Amino acid sequence: MSVAEIAVDHLPYIPANDWLPSVLIVEDERKQRTSLVDAFRAMNIDALTASGGYEAIRIAGDCRPELILVDGLLPEMHGFEISRFIRRIDADYHPRIALMTAIYKHTRYQNEAKLKYGIDDYLIKPVHPQMLAGLVRRVQAATR
């Protein structure tokens, strides 16, 4: 357990009357996907899920979620490539994309992800609920 989890045992307060973004979680590991879905449910957000790249691109094109969390390593397609495809869906569609990784931790990868693939946030796993609440707040702030 991290110091942040000990100090903050619940999610940051998000008022019930605040607008909540739609979320797509792209994660191939079922346990991790379920954990992320549960964290968003705790914030009263029902998240869409995809376990692979092609499914994620289809859902993003059809449903246009405001926040997309993409695992860096997926079996069909790399998370960087998924992000690049999502960025090209439509010129008017600008979701906040967060890449989740346990492997690509170096600053070089983070800079490349942002500059080359259009990734807005870079989360090092394990991803904690406080990190997700921060993402929700950034999406909310961008839409005001």
N, C-alpha and C. Protein backbone atom coordinates (compact mmCIF):
# COMPACT_ATOMS: atom_id res chain seq x y z
N MET A 1 0.85 -1.17 0.00
CA MET A 1 0.00 0.00 0.00
C MET A 1 0.90 1.24 0.00
N SER A 2 0.56 2.21 -0.81
CA SER A 2 1.36 3.42 -0.90
C SER A 2 0.97 4.41 0.19
N VAL A 3 1.83 5.42 0.39
CA VAL A 3 1.55 6.46 1.37
C VAL A 3 0.26 7.19 1.01
N ALA A 4 0.04 7.42 -0.29
CA ALA A 4 -1.18 8.12 -0.73
C ALA A 4 -2.43 7.31 -0.37
N GLU A 5 -2.35 6.00 -0.50
CA GLU A 5 -3.51 5.18 -0.17
C GLU A 5 -3.79 5.17 1.32
N ILE A 6 -2.76 5.27 2.14
CA ILE A 6 -2.95 5.31 3.58
C ILE A 6 -3.54 6.66 3.98
N ALA A 7 -3.01 7.73 3.40
CA ALA A 7 -3.45 9.08 3.74
C ALA A 7 -4.83 9.39 3.21
N VAL A 8 -5.17 8.89 2.04
CA VAL A 8 -6.47 9.15 1.42
C VAL A 8 -7.12 7.80 1.16
N ASP A 9 -8.00 7.39 2.05
CA ASP A 9 -8.61 6.07 1.92
C ASP A 9 -9.86 6.07 1.06
N HIS A 10 -10.22 7.21 0.50
CA HIS A 10 -11.39 7.30 -0.37
C HIS A 10 -11.06 8.22 -1.54
N LEU A 11 -11.90 8.20 -2.52
CA LEU A 11 -11.66 9.05 -3.69
C LEU A 11 -11.91 10.51 -3.36
N PRO A 12 -11.21 11.40 -4.04
CA PRO A 12 -11.51 12.82 -3.86
C PRO A 12 -12.97 13.10 -4.19
N TYR A 13 -13.53 14.03 -3.47
CA TYR A 13 -14.95 14.34 -3.62
C TYR A 13 -15.24 14.96 -4.98
N ILE A 14 -16.19 14.38 -5.67
CA ILE A 14 -16.69 14.92 -6.94
C ILE A 14 -18.18 15.13 -6.73
N PRO A 15 -18.64 16.38 -6.67
CA PRO A 15 -20.06 16.65 -6.40
C PRO A 15 -20.98 15.92 -7.37
N ALA A 16 -22.10 15.44 -6.85
CA ALA A 16 -23.05 14.66 -7.65
C ALA A 16 -23.63 15.46 -8.81
N ASN A 17 -23.69 16.78 -8.68
CA ASN A 17 -24.28 17.59 -9.75
C ASN A 17 -23.26 17.97 -10.82
N ASP A 18 -21.98 17.58 -10.65
CA ASP A 18 -20.97 17.84 -11.66
C ASP A 18 -21.18 16.92 -12.86
N TRP A 19 -20.92 17.45 -14.04
CA TRP A 19 -20.96 16.65 -15.26
C TRP A 19 -19.83 15.62 -15.19
N LEU A 20 -20.12 14.38 -15.55
CA LEU A 20 -19.13 13.31 -15.53
C LEU A 20 -18.85 12.83 -16.95
N PRO A 21 -17.60 12.65 -17.29
CA PRO A 21 -17.25 12.24 -18.65
C PRO A 21 -17.57 10.77 -18.89
N SER A 22 -17.75 10.42 -20.15
CA SER A 22 -17.84 9.01 -20.51
C SER A 22 -16.41 8.48 -20.62
N VAL A 23 -16.23 7.21 -20.29
CA VAL A 23 -14.89 6.63 -20.18
C VAL A 23 -14.82 5.32 -20.95
N LEU A 24 -13.70 5.11 -21.63
CA LEU A 24 -13.39 3.83 -22.27
C LEU A 24 -12.09 3.32 -21.68
N ILE A 25 -12.12 2.09 -21.17
CA ILE A 25 -10.93 1.43 -20.63
C ILE A 25 -10.50 0.36 -21.62
N VAL A 26 -9.25 0.44 -22.06
CA VAL A 26 -8.70 -0.54 -23.00
C VAL A 26 -7.61 -1.30 -22.26
N GLU A 27 -7.94 -2.50 -21.82
CA GLU A 27 -7.05 -3.31 -20.99
C GLU A 27 -7.32 -4.78 -21.27
N ASP A 28 -6.28 -5.55 -21.57
CA ASP A 28 -6.48 -6.96 -21.90
C ASP A 28 -6.54 -7.86 -20.67
N GLU A 29 -5.99 -7.44 -19.55
CA GLU A 29 -6.03 -8.26 -18.34
C GLU A 29 -7.35 -8.02 -17.61
N ARG A 30 -8.13 -9.08 -17.49
CA ARG A 30 -9.47 -8.97 -16.93
C ARG A 30 -9.49 -8.42 -15.51
N LYS A 31 -8.56 -8.87 -14.68
CA LYS A 31 -8.53 -8.42 -13.28
C LYS A 31 -8.26 -6.91 -13.22
N GLN A 32 -7.31 -6.45 -14.00
CA GLN A 32 -6.99 -5.02 -14.04
C GLN A 32 -8.16 -4.21 -14.59
N ARG A 33 -8.80 -4.72 -15.64
CA ARG A 33 -9.95 -4.05 -16.24
C ARG A 33 -11.08 -3.91 -15.22
N THR A 34 -11.34 -4.99 -14.49
CA THR A 34 -12.40 -4.98 -13.47
C THR A 34 -12.08 -3.98 -12.37
N SER A 35 -10.83 -3.92 -11.96
CA SER A 35 -10.41 -2.97 -10.92
C SER A 35 -10.64 -1.53 -11.37
N LEU A 36 -10.31 -1.23 -12.62
CA LEU A 36 -10.52 0.12 -13.15
C LEU A 36 -12.00 0.45 -13.25
N VAL A 37 -12.79 -0.50 -13.71
CA VAL A 37 -14.25 -0.29 -13.81
C VAL A 37 -14.82 0.00 -12.43
N ASP A 38 -14.39 -0.77 -11.42
CA ASP A 38 -14.87 -0.55 -10.05
C ASP A 38 -14.49 0.83 -9.53
N ALA A 39 -13.28 1.28 -9.84
CA ALA A 39 -12.85 2.61 -9.39
C ALA A 39 -13.71 3.70 -10.02
N PHE A 40 -14.05 3.55 -11.30
CA PHE A 40 -14.91 4.55 -11.94
C PHE A 40 -16.34 4.46 -11.42
N ARG A 41 -16.82 3.26 -11.13
CA ARG A 41 -18.17 3.12 -10.54
C ARG A 41 -18.25 3.84 -9.21
N ALA A 42 -17.16 3.81 -8.45
CA ALA A 42 -17.14 4.52 -7.17
C ALA A 42 -17.31 6.03 -7.36
N MET A 43 -17.02 6.53 -8.57
CA MET A 43 -17.22 7.93 -8.91
C MET A 43 -18.53 8.14 -9.68
N ASN A 44 -19.37 7.13 -9.70
CA ASN A 44 -20.66 7.17 -10.43
C ASN A 44 -20.47 7.28 -11.93
N ILE A 45 -19.42 6.66 -12.46
CA ILE A 45 -19.16 6.64 -13.89
C ILE A 45 -19.19 5.19 -14.36
N ASP A 46 -20.06 4.89 -15.31
CA ASP A 46 -20.08 3.57 -15.92
C ASP A 46 -19.14 3.60 -17.12
N ALA A 47 -18.08 2.81 -17.04
CA ALA A 47 -17.06 2.82 -18.08
C ALA A 47 -17.34 1.75 -19.14
N LEU A 48 -17.06 2.11 -20.37
CA LEU A 48 -17.06 1.13 -21.46
C LEU A 48 -15.72 0.41 -21.40
N THR A 49 -15.67 -0.82 -21.90
CA THR A 49 -14.41 -1.56 -21.89
C THR A 49 -14.13 -2.21 -23.23
N ALA A 50 -12.84 -2.37 -23.48
CA ALA A 50 -12.37 -3.10 -24.66
C ALA A 50 -11.12 -3.87 -24.23
N SER A 51 -10.96 -5.06 -24.77
CA SER A 51 -9.79 -5.86 -24.41
C SER A 51 -8.72 -5.85 -25.50
N GLY A 52 -9.00 -5.21 -26.62
CA GLY A 52 -8.04 -5.17 -27.72
C GLY A 52 -8.14 -3.88 -28.51
N GLY A 53 -7.16 -3.68 -29.38
CA GLY A 53 -7.06 -2.44 -30.13
C GLY A 53 -8.18 -2.19 -31.12
N TYR A 54 -8.51 -3.18 -31.92
CA TYR A 54 -9.55 -2.98 -32.94
C TYR A 54 -10.90 -2.70 -32.30
N GLU A 55 -11.18 -3.42 -31.22
CA GLU A 55 -12.43 -3.19 -30.48
C GLU A 55 -12.43 -1.77 -29.89
N ALA A 56 -11.31 -1.33 -29.36
CA ALA A 56 -11.22 0.01 -28.78
C ALA A 56 -11.46 1.10 -29.81
N ILE A 57 -10.87 0.95 -30.98
CA ILE A 57 -11.04 1.94 -32.04
C ILE A 57 -12.50 1.99 -32.49
N ARG A 58 -13.13 0.82 -32.61
CA ARG A 58 -14.55 0.77 -33.00
C ARG A 58 -15.42 1.46 -31.96
N ILE A 59 -15.22 1.15 -30.68
CA ILE A 59 -16.02 1.75 -29.61
C ILE A 59 -15.78 3.26 -29.55
N ALA A 60 -14.53 3.68 -29.67
CA ALA A 60 -14.23 5.12 -29.64
C ALA A 60 -14.94 5.84 -30.78
N GLY A 61 -14.93 5.24 -31.97
CA GLY A 61 -15.60 5.85 -33.12
C GLY A 61 -17.11 5.91 -32.96
N ASP A 62 -17.69 4.85 -32.38
CA ASP A 62 -19.15 4.79 -32.22
C ASP A 62 -19.65 5.62 -31.05
N CYS A 63 -18.97 5.56 -29.91
CA CYS A 63 -19.48 6.15 -28.67
C CYS A 63 -18.84 7.49 -28.29
N ARG A 64 -17.69 7.79 -28.82
CA ARG A 64 -16.99 9.05 -28.59
C ARG A 64 -16.82 9.39 -27.10
N PRO A 65 -16.18 8.51 -26.33
CA PRO A 65 -15.97 8.83 -24.91
C PRO A 65 -15.02 10.01 -24.75
N GLU A 66 -15.21 10.77 -23.68
CA GLU A 66 -14.37 11.94 -23.43
C GLU A 66 -13.02 11.57 -22.81
N LEU A 67 -12.95 10.41 -22.16
CA LEU A 67 -11.72 9.95 -21.52
C LEU A 67 -11.44 8.52 -21.95
N ILE A 68 -10.22 8.25 -22.39
CA ILE A 68 -9.85 6.90 -22.82
C ILE A 68 -8.56 6.51 -22.10
N LEU A 69 -8.61 5.38 -21.40
CA LEU A 69 -7.43 4.81 -20.76
C LEU A 69 -6.97 3.63 -21.59
N VAL A 70 -5.73 3.64 -22.03
CA VAL A 70 -5.21 2.60 -22.92
C VAL A 70 -4.00 1.95 -22.27
N ASP A 71 -4.03 0.62 -22.20
CA ASP A 71 -2.87 -0.13 -21.74
C ASP A 71 -1.78 -0.01 -22.80
N GLY A 72 -0.54 0.10 -22.36
CA GLY A 72 0.56 0.24 -23.30
C GLY A 72 0.83 -1.01 -24.12
N LEU A 73 0.72 -2.17 -23.51
CA LEU A 73 1.00 -3.43 -24.21
C LEU A 73 -0.27 -4.26 -24.32
N LEU A 74 -0.72 -4.41 -25.53
CA LEU A 74 -1.91 -5.22 -25.82
C LEU A 74 -1.55 -6.24 -26.88
N PRO A 75 -2.26 -7.36 -26.92
CA PRO A 75 -1.88 -8.41 -27.87
C PRO A 75 -2.03 -8.05 -29.35
N GLU A 76 -3.08 -7.39 -29.75
CA GLU A 76 -3.32 -7.10 -31.17
C GLU A 76 -2.53 -5.90 -31.68
N MET A 77 -2.48 -4.87 -30.85
CA MET A 77 -1.96 -3.59 -31.30
C MET A 77 -1.40 -2.86 -30.09
N HIS A 78 -0.31 -2.18 -30.27
CA HIS A 78 0.32 -1.44 -29.20
C HIS A 78 -0.56 -0.25 -28.79
N GLY A 79 -0.55 0.10 -27.50
CA GLY A 79 -1.35 1.21 -27.01
C GLY A 79 -1.04 2.53 -27.69
N PHE A 80 0.24 2.73 -28.07
CA PHE A 80 0.60 3.95 -28.79
C PHE A 80 -0.15 4.03 -30.12
N GLU A 81 -0.20 2.92 -30.83
CA GLU A 81 -0.87 2.88 -32.14
C GLU A 81 -2.38 3.08 -31.99
N ILE A 82 -2.97 2.50 -30.97
CA ILE A 82 -4.40 2.69 -30.72
C ILE A 82 -4.68 4.18 -30.55
N SER A 83 -3.85 4.84 -29.77
CA SER A 83 -4.02 6.27 -29.55
C SER A 83 -3.92 7.06 -30.84
N ARG A 84 -2.97 6.70 -31.69
CA ARG A 84 -2.81 7.39 -32.97
C ARG A 84 -4.06 7.20 -33.84
N PHE A 85 -4.59 5.99 -33.90
CA PHE A 85 -5.81 5.74 -34.68
C PHE A 85 -6.99 6.53 -34.13
N ILE A 86 -7.13 6.57 -32.81
CA ILE A 86 -8.24 7.31 -32.20
C ILE A 86 -8.13 8.80 -32.52
N ARG A 87 -6.93 9.33 -32.51
CA ARG A 87 -6.73 10.75 -32.84
C ARG A 87 -7.13 11.07 -34.27
N ARG A 88 -7.14 10.07 -35.14
CA ARG A 88 -7.48 10.29 -36.55
C ARG A 88 -8.93 9.97 -36.89
N ILE A 89 -9.75 9.63 -35.91
CA ILE A 89 -11.15 9.28 -36.18
C ILE A 89 -11.88 10.45 -36.82
N ASP A 90 -11.73 11.63 -36.23
CA ASP A 90 -12.47 12.80 -36.68
C ASP A 90 -11.74 14.04 -36.16
N ALA A 91 -11.61 15.05 -36.97
CA ALA A 91 -10.92 16.27 -36.57
C ALA A 91 -11.61 16.98 -35.41
N ASP A 92 -12.91 16.75 -35.25
CA ASP A 92 -13.67 17.41 -34.18
C ASP A 92 -13.72 16.60 -32.89
N TYR A 93 -13.16 15.42 -32.89
CA TYR A 93 -13.20 14.54 -31.72
C TYR A 93 -11.85 14.60 -31.01
N HIS A 94 -11.85 15.11 -29.77
CA HIS A 94 -10.62 15.31 -29.01
C HIS A 94 -10.74 14.71 -27.61
N PRO A 95 -10.74 13.39 -27.49
CA PRO A 95 -10.81 12.80 -26.14
C PRO A 95 -9.49 12.98 -25.40
N ARG A 96 -9.54 12.93 -24.10
CA ARG A 96 -8.31 12.91 -23.31
C ARG A 96 -7.87 11.45 -23.27
N ILE A 97 -6.65 11.17 -23.71
CA ILE A 97 -6.14 9.80 -23.76
C ILE A 97 -5.01 9.65 -22.74
N ALA A 98 -5.15 8.63 -21.89
CA ALA A 98 -4.13 8.32 -20.89
C ALA A 98 -3.59 6.93 -21.18
N LEU A 99 -2.28 6.82 -21.30
CA LEU A 99 -1.62 5.54 -21.51
C LEU A 99 -1.19 4.99 -20.16
N MET A 100 -1.52 3.73 -19.90
CA MET A 100 -1.14 3.06 -18.66
C MET A 100 -0.04 2.05 -18.98
N THR A 101 1.05 2.09 -18.21
CA THR A 101 2.14 1.16 -18.48
C THR A 101 2.92 0.83 -17.21
N ALA A 102 3.48 -0.34 -17.20
CA ALA A 102 4.40 -0.74 -16.13
C ALA A 102 5.81 -0.91 -16.70
N ILE A 103 5.93 -0.81 -18.00
CA ILE A 103 7.20 -1.09 -18.67
C ILE A 103 7.88 0.18 -19.17
N TYR A 104 7.15 1.00 -19.90
CA TYR A 104 7.73 2.19 -20.53
C TYR A 104 7.74 3.35 -19.55
N LYS A 105 8.67 3.32 -18.61
CA LYS A 105 8.69 4.32 -17.53
C LYS A 105 9.62 5.50 -17.80
N HIS A 106 10.55 5.36 -18.70
CA HIS A 106 11.54 6.41 -18.94
C HIS A 106 10.88 7.65 -19.54
N THR A 107 11.42 8.80 -19.21
CA THR A 107 10.90 10.08 -19.71
C THR A 107 10.88 10.13 -21.23
N ARG A 108 11.83 9.49 -21.86
CA ARG A 108 11.88 9.47 -23.33
C ARG A 108 10.59 8.89 -23.91
N TYR A 109 10.09 7.80 -23.31
CA TYR A 109 8.85 7.19 -23.79
C TYR A 109 7.66 8.12 -23.54
N GLN A 110 7.66 8.79 -22.41
CA GLN A 110 6.57 9.71 -22.09
C GLN A 110 6.52 10.86 -23.08
N ASN A 111 7.67 11.42 -23.39
CA ASN A 111 7.72 12.52 -24.36
C ASN A 111 7.29 12.05 -25.75
N GLU A 112 7.76 10.89 -26.16
CA GLU A 112 7.39 10.35 -27.46
C GLU A 112 5.89 10.09 -27.53
N ALA A 113 5.34 9.56 -26.45
CA ALA A 113 3.91 9.27 -26.40
C ALA A 113 3.09 10.54 -26.60
N LYS A 114 3.51 11.61 -26.00
CA LYS A 114 2.77 12.87 -26.09
C LYS A 114 2.95 13.53 -27.46
N LEU A 115 4.18 13.58 -27.93
CA LEU A 115 4.46 14.29 -29.17
C LEU A 115 4.07 13.51 -30.43
N LYS A 116 4.38 12.24 -30.46
CA LYS A 116 4.19 11.44 -31.66
C LYS A 116 2.81 10.79 -31.75
N TYR A 117 2.23 10.44 -30.60
CA TYR A 117 0.99 9.67 -30.62
C TYR A 117 -0.21 10.41 -30.04
N GLY A 118 -0.04 11.61 -29.56
CA GLY A 118 -1.16 12.41 -29.07
C GLY A 118 -1.71 11.96 -27.73
N ILE A 119 -0.87 11.37 -26.90
CA ILE A 119 -1.31 10.91 -25.58
C ILE A 119 -1.21 12.08 -24.61
N ASP A 120 -2.27 12.31 -23.85
CA ASP A 120 -2.33 13.45 -22.94
C ASP A 120 -1.71 13.15 -21.58
N ASP A 121 -1.96 11.97 -21.06
CA ASP A 121 -1.49 11.59 -19.73
C ASP A 121 -0.77 10.26 -19.81
N TYR A 122 0.20 10.09 -18.94
CA TYR A 122 1.02 8.90 -18.93
C TYR A 122 1.01 8.37 -17.51
N LEU A 123 0.35 7.24 -17.28
CA LEU A 123 0.20 6.68 -15.94
C LEU A 123 1.07 5.44 -15.77
N ILE A 124 1.88 5.43 -14.73
CA ILE A 124 2.69 4.27 -14.41
C ILE A 124 1.87 3.35 -13.52
N LYS A 125 1.78 2.08 -13.91
CA LYS A 125 1.03 1.10 -13.13
C LYS A 125 1.79 0.77 -11.86
N PRO A 126 1.11 0.47 -10.77
CA PRO A 126 -0.34 0.32 -10.67
C PRO A 126 -1.05 1.67 -10.65
N VAL A 127 -2.20 1.72 -11.29
CA VAL A 127 -3.01 2.92 -11.37
C VAL A 127 -3.95 2.94 -10.17
N HIS A 128 -3.86 4.00 -9.39
CA HIS A 128 -4.65 4.13 -8.17
C HIS A 128 -5.90 4.97 -8.42
N PRO A 129 -6.95 4.78 -7.64
CA PRO A 129 -8.19 5.55 -7.82
C PRO A 129 -7.98 7.06 -7.79
N GLN A 130 -7.02 7.53 -7.00
CA GLN A 130 -6.76 8.97 -6.94
C GLN A 130 -6.26 9.49 -8.29
N MET A 131 -5.49 8.67 -9.00
CA MET A 131 -5.02 9.05 -10.34
C MET A 131 -6.20 9.18 -11.30
N LEU A 132 -7.13 8.25 -11.20
CA LEU A 132 -8.31 8.27 -12.08
C LEU A 132 -9.18 9.48 -11.78
N ALA A 133 -9.34 9.79 -10.50
CA ALA A 133 -10.13 10.97 -10.12
C ALA A 133 -9.48 12.23 -10.68
N GLY A 134 -8.15 12.27 -10.67
CA GLY A 134 -7.44 13.41 -11.26
C GLY A 134 -7.71 13.54 -12.75
N LEU A 135 -7.74 12.40 -13.45
CA LEU A 135 -8.07 12.42 -14.88
C LEU A 135 -9.47 12.96 -15.12
N VAL A 136 -10.42 12.50 -14.31
CA VAL A 136 -11.81 12.97 -14.44
C VAL A 136 -11.87 14.47 -14.24
N ARG A 137 -11.17 14.97 -13.23
CA ARG A 137 -11.16 16.42 -12.97
C ARG A 137 -10.55 17.20 -14.14
N ARG A 138 -9.51 16.66 -14.77
CA ARG A 138 -8.89 17.35 -15.92
C ARG A 138 -9.86 17.40 -17.11
N VAL A 139 -10.59 16.32 -17.32
CA VAL A 139 -11.58 16.31 -18.40
C VAL A 139 -12.69 17.32 -18.08
N GLN A 140 -13.13 17.33 -16.83
CA GLN A 140 -14.17 18.28 -16.43
C GLN A 140 -13.69 19.72 -16.62
N ALA A 141 -12.46 20.01 -16.24
CA ALA A 141 -11.92 21.36 -16.37
C ALA A 141 -11.80 21.78 -17.84
N ALA A 142 -11.46 20.84 -18.70
CA ALA A 142 -11.30 21.14 -20.13
C ALA A 142 -12.64 21.43 -20.81
N THR A 143 -13.73 20.94 -20.25
CA THR A 143 -15.03 21.13 -20.89
C THR A 143 -15.77 22.36 -20.35
N ARG A 144 -15.22 23.00 -19.36
CA ARG A 144 -15.89 24.20 -18.78
C ARG A 144 -15.62 25.42 -19.61
